[in-house]
C-alpha atoms as a PDB file:
ATOM      1  CA  MET A   1      41.366  -1.913  -1.731  1.00  0.00           C
ATOM      2  CA  ARG A   2      41.457   1.091   0.522  1.00  0.00           C
ATOM      3  CA  PHE A   3      37.686   1.352   0.713  1.00  0.00           C
ATOM      4  CA  LEU A   4      37.275  -2.191   2.007  1.00  0.00           C
ATOM      5  CA  ASP A   5      40.030  -1.616   4.573  1.00  0.00           C
ATOM      6  CA  TRP A   6      38.216   1.513   5.706  1.00  0.00           C
ATOM      7  CA  TRP A   7      34.918  -0.399   5.826  1.00  0.00           C
ATOM      8  CA  GLU A   8      36.377  -3.229   7.880  1.00  0.00           C
ATOM      9  CA  ASN A   9      37.690  -0.733  10.417  1.00  0.00           C
ATOM     10  CA  ARG A  10      34.171   0.646  10.822  1.00  0.00           C
ATOM     11  CA  LEU A  11      32.474  -2.732  10.928  1.00  0.00           C
ATOM     12  CA  THR A  12      31.293  -2.282  14.519  1.00  0.00           C
ATOM     13  CA  ALA A  13      29.466   0.928  13.640  1.00  0.00           C
ATOM     14  CA  SER A  14      27.859  -0.660  10.596  1.00  0.00           C
ATOM     15  CA  LEU A  15      26.751  -3.676  12.633  1.00  0.00           C
ATOM     16  CA  GLY A  16      25.261  -1.321  15.223  1.00  0.00           C
ATOM     17  CA  PHE A  17      23.321   0.348  12.432  1.00  0.00           C
ATOM     18  CA  LEU A  18      22.065  -3.062  11.325  1.00  0.00           C
ATOM     19  CA  VAL A  19      20.883  -3.876  14.842  1.00  0.00           C
ATOM     20  CA  PHE A  20      18.969  -0.565  14.927  1.00  0.00           C
ATOM     21  CA  THR A  21      17.322  -1.135  11.549  1.00  0.00           C
ATOM     22  CA  HIS A  22      16.333  -4.689  12.362  1.00  0.00           C
ATOM     23  CA  MET A  23      14.872  -3.646  15.719  1.00  0.00           C
ATOM     24  CA  ALA A  24      12.877  -0.949  13.903  1.00  0.00           C
ATOM     25  CA  GLN A  25      11.466  -3.668  11.662  1.00  0.00           C
ATOM     26  CA  ILE A  26       9.652  -5.387  14.547  1.00  0.00           C
ATOM     27  CA  PRO A  27       6.818  -2.837  14.944  1.00  0.00           C
ATOM     28  CA  HIS A  28       6.801  -2.447  11.176  1.00  0.00           C
ATOM     29  CA  MET A  29       6.159  -6.174  10.698  1.00  0.00           C
ATOM     30  CA  ILE A  30       3.280  -6.068  13.202  1.00  0.00           C
ATOM     31  CA  TRP A  31       1.829  -2.999  11.458  1.00  0.00           C
ATOM     32  CA  ASN A  32       2.270  -4.650   8.051  1.00  0.00           C
ATOM     33  CA  ALA A  33       0.513  -7.815   9.220  1.00  0.00           C
ATOM     34  CA  ASP A  34      -2.365  -5.662  10.492  1.00  0.00           C
ATOM     35  CA  MET A  35      -2.539  -3.960   7.082  1.00  0.00           C
ATOM     36  CA  TYR A  36      -2.422  -7.302   5.269  1.00  0.00           C
ATOM     37  CA  LEU A  37      -5.109  -8.887   7.424  1.00  0.00           C
ATOM     38  CA  GLN A  38      -7.129  -5.636   7.276  1.00  0.00           C
ATOM     39  CA  LEU A  39      -7.815  -5.716  11.009  1.00  0.00           C
ATOM     40  CA  GLY A  40      -7.330  -1.988  11.564  1.00  0.00           C
ATOM     41  CA  ASN A  41      -6.136  -2.409  15.158  1.00  0.00           C
ATOM     42  CA  ILE A  42      -2.847  -0.589  14.535  1.00  0.00           C
ATOM     43  CA  SER A  43      -2.972   0.494  10.915  1.00  0.00           C
ATOM     44  CA  ARG A  44      -5.141   3.321   9.611  1.00  0.00           C
ATOM     45  CA  VAL A  45      -5.547   4.698  13.149  1.00  0.00           C
ATOM     46  CA  ASN A  46      -3.051   7.557  12.978  1.00  0.00           C
ATOM     47  CA  PRO A  47      -1.736   8.843   9.618  1.00  0.00           C
ATOM     48  CA  VAL A  48       1.541  10.020  11.202  1.00  0.00           C
ATOM     49  CA  LEU A  49       2.167   6.568  12.676  1.00  0.00           C
ATOM     50  CA  ASP A  50       1.281   4.960   9.343  1.00  0.00           C
ATOM     51  CA  PHE A  51       3.727   7.275   7.553  1.00  0.00           C
ATOM     52  CA  PHE A  52       6.496   6.505  10.073  1.00  0.00           C
ATOM     53  CA  LEU A  53       6.012   2.744   9.934  1.00  0.00           C
ATOM     54  CA  TYR A  54       5.818   2.801   6.148  1.00  0.00           C
ATOM     55  CA  GLY A  55       9.019   4.871   6.094  1.00  0.00           C
ATOM     56  CA  VAL A  56      10.877   2.183   8.039  1.00  0.00           C
ATOM     57  CA  ASP A  57      11.155   0.356   4.722  1.00  0.00           C
ATOM     58  CA  LEU A  58      13.583   3.059   3.610  1.00  0.00           C
ATOM     59  CA  LEU A  59      15.993   1.976   6.374  1.00  0.00           C
ATOM     60  CA  GLU A  60      16.426  -1.386   4.710  1.00  0.00           C
ATOM     61  CA  ALA A  61      18.393  -0.048   1.732  1.00  0.00           C
ATOM     62  CA  PRO A  62      21.455   1.132   3.736  1.00  0.00           C
ATOM     63  CA  ALA A  63      21.271  -2.063   5.800  1.00  0.00           C
ATOM     64  CA  ILE A  64      21.487  -4.186   2.646  1.00  0.00           C
ATOM     65  CA  VAL A  65      24.528  -2.198   1.496  1.00  0.00           C
ATOM     66  CA  ALA A  66      26.159  -2.514   4.927  1.00  0.00           C
ATOM     67  CA  VAL A  67      25.656  -6.277   5.074  1.00  0.00           C
ATOM     68  CA  THR A  68      26.975  -6.709   1.532  1.00  0.00           C
ATOM     69  CA  MET A  69      30.087  -4.604   2.178  1.00  0.00           C
ATOM     70  CA  SER A  70      30.746  -6.401   5.472  1.00  0.00           C
ATOM     71  CA  PHE A  71      30.460  -9.757   3.738  1.00  0.00           C
ATOM     72  CA  ILE A  72      32.841  -8.699   0.954  1.00  0.00           C
ATOM     73  CA  ALA A  73      35.337  -7.296   3.478  1.00  0.00           C
ATOM     74  CA  LYS A  74      35.303 -10.542   5.467  1.00  0.00           C
ATOM     75  CA  LEU A  75      35.715 -12.678   2.330  1.00  0.00           C
ATOM     76  CA  ARG A  76      38.554 -10.478   1.152  1.00  0.00           C
ATOM     77  CA  HIS A  77      40.249 -10.711   4.533  1.00  0.00           C
ATOM     78  CA  LYS A  78      39.829 -14.488   4.617  1.00  0.00           C
ATOM     79  CA  TYR A  79      41.198 -15.187   1.126  1.00  0.00           C
ATOM     80  CA  TYR A  80      43.837 -12.481   0.676  1.00  0.00           C
ATOM     81  CA  HIS A  81      45.279 -12.323   4.173  1.00  0.00           C
ATOM     82  CA  ALA A  82      45.316 -16.070   4.803  1.00  0.00           C
ATOM     83  CA  LYS A  83      48.370 -16.605   2.599  1.00  0.00           C
END
């Protein structure tokens, strides 16, 4: 498949994107724990910060697609090019 060949060639860029999204999840997890425990130390202090940290969840969707496509490309390479 041409798309998977194209994806495999851009694997480094997609993995860099995954590193960025997972690093962005660290403050989000701390904020989410503060929301869950209802401590209010970080959450509900600044509405802009709350909106930004809540919006980090939207970064997960492209990361899931990138990981899935990378996995499929690697499996395809392993099974079809090993012959």
